[in-house]
């Protein structure tokens, strides 16, 4: 499949991407990501490997479009885990400067 990334044309195939990413250790995912094989890679890392360009030269959207067209599953930015909300008793205790215990 022909696609343009950072104004350069590339002929990409699913097999070619799989071969390029074989043996590459995934970096920490903090933004958009793509599942290749059984691993989840940041899209900028995938773009850097398959195009051999600096990640500042292309957008993550260009890589997401190309990977989606090739049949890979792309993921949006990971959601932050919700913080555990304190109970009303813990709130009141914190406001009074004490520690919240349930013993009486």
Protein backbone atom coordinates (compact mmCIF):
# COMPACT_ATOMS: atom_id res chain seq x y z
CA UNK A 1 0.00 0.00 0.00
CA UNK A 2 1.34 3.39 -0.91
CA UNK A 3 1.09 6.09 1.74
CA UNK A 4 2.70 9.46 2.29
CA UNK A 5 4.33 10.14 5.65
CA UNK A 6 6.07 13.48 6.25
CA UNK A 7 5.74 14.27 2.52
CA UNK A 8 7.65 11.11 1.51
CA UNK A 9 5.96 8.20 -0.28
CA UNK A 10 6.28 4.72 1.25
CA UNK A 11 5.19 1.31 0.02
CA UNK A 12 4.06 -0.44 3.18
CA UNK A 13 2.72 -3.95 3.65
CA UNK A 14 1.43 -5.63 6.76
CA UNK A 15 4.12 -8.30 6.45
CA UNK A 16 6.80 -5.64 6.04
CA UNK A 17 5.69 -3.82 9.18
CA UNK A 18 5.59 -7.10 11.13
CA UNK A 19 9.12 -7.93 9.95
CA UNK A 20 10.41 -4.43 10.78
CA UNK A 21 8.99 -4.52 14.31
CA UNK A 22 10.17 -8.05 15.04
CA UNK A 23 12.61 -7.99 17.93
CA UNK A 24 11.91 -4.33 18.77
CA UNK A 25 11.17 -3.79 22.45
CA UNK A 26 8.13 -1.53 22.99
CA UNK A 27 8.73 1.79 24.69
CA UNK A 28 6.39 3.06 27.41
CA UNK A 29 3.00 3.98 25.94
CA UNK A 30 1.96 7.48 26.96
CA UNK A 31 -0.09 8.51 23.93
CA UNK A 32 -1.59 6.86 20.88
CA UNK A 33 -0.48 3.28 20.29
CA UNK A 34 -0.79 0.41 17.83
CA UNK A 35 -0.93 -3.32 18.44
CA UNK A 36 1.52 -5.24 16.27
CA UNK A 37 1.57 -8.96 16.89
CA UNK A 38 1.01 -9.35 20.62
CA UNK A 39 2.75 -6.12 21.58
CA UNK A 40 1.51 -2.56 21.93
CA UNK A 41 3.88 0.11 20.60
CA UNK A 42 3.69 3.92 20.69
CA UNK A 43 2.83 5.12 17.16
CA UNK A 44 5.85 7.44 17.08
CA UNK A 45 8.16 4.46 17.76
CA UNK A 46 6.52 2.47 14.95
CA UNK A 47 6.83 5.43 12.60
CA UNK A 48 10.50 5.87 13.47
CA UNK A 49 11.25 2.20 12.78
CA UNK A 50 9.30 1.77 9.54
CA UNK A 51 10.22 5.12 7.95
CA UNK A 52 13.70 5.60 9.46
CA UNK A 53 12.79 9.25 10.03
CA UNK A 54 13.01 11.42 13.10
CA UNK A 55 9.68 11.31 15.00
CA UNK A 56 9.53 15.11 14.86
CA UNK A 57 9.17 14.89 11.07
CA UNK A 58 5.78 13.15 11.06
CA UNK A 59 2.58 13.24 13.07
CA UNK A 60 1.08 10.38 15.01
CA UNK A 61 -2.06 10.80 12.90
CA UNK A 62 -0.15 9.91 9.73
CA UNK A 63 1.07 6.67 11.30
CA UNK A 64 -2.35 5.83 12.78
CA UNK A 65 -3.98 6.24 9.34
CA UNK A 66 -1.35 4.05 7.67
CA UNK A 67 -1.51 1.32 10.35
CA UNK A 68 -5.31 1.31 10.29
CA UNK A 69 -5.34 0.93 6.50
CA UNK A 70 -2.93 -2.02 6.86
CA UNK A 71 -5.30 -3.70 9.33
CA UNK A 72 -3.54 -3.06 12.64
CA UNK A 73 -5.51 -2.04 15.73
CA UNK A 74 -4.78 1.49 16.89
CA UNK A 75 -5.62 2.85 20.33
CA UNK A 76 -6.27 6.40 21.52
CA UNK A 77 -4.36 7.91 24.41
CA UNK A 78 -4.59 5.77 27.55
CA UNK A 79 -6.99 7.04 30.17
CA UNK A 80 -5.67 7.99 33.55
CA UNK A 81 -6.77 5.71 36.35
CA UNK A 82 -9.49 7.36 38.44
CA UNK A 83 -8.29 8.42 41.85
CA UNK A 84 -10.02 6.79 44.79
CA UNK A 85 -12.34 9.35 46.32
CA UNK A 86 -12.15 9.63 50.09
CA UNK A 87 -15.26 8.77 52.07
CA UNK A 88 -17.17 11.57 53.82
CA UNK A 89 -15.77 10.31 57.14
CA UNK A 90 -12.19 10.53 55.80
CA UNK A 91 -12.88 14.04 54.45
CA UNK A 92 -14.22 15.27 57.80
CA UNK A 93 -11.35 13.66 59.68
CA UNK A 94 -8.79 15.29 57.38
CA UNK A 95 -10.45 18.69 57.80
CA UNK A 96 -10.29 18.33 61.60
CA UNK A 97 -6.62 17.33 61.42
CA UNK A 98 -7.12 13.81 62.70
CA UNK A 99 -6.63 10.40 61.22
CA UNK A 100 -9.64 8.50 59.96
CA UNK A 101 -10.19 5.29 61.90
CA UNK A 102 -13.36 3.26 62.13
CA UNK A 103 -12.69 1.88 65.62
CA UNK A 104 -14.73 3.13 68.57
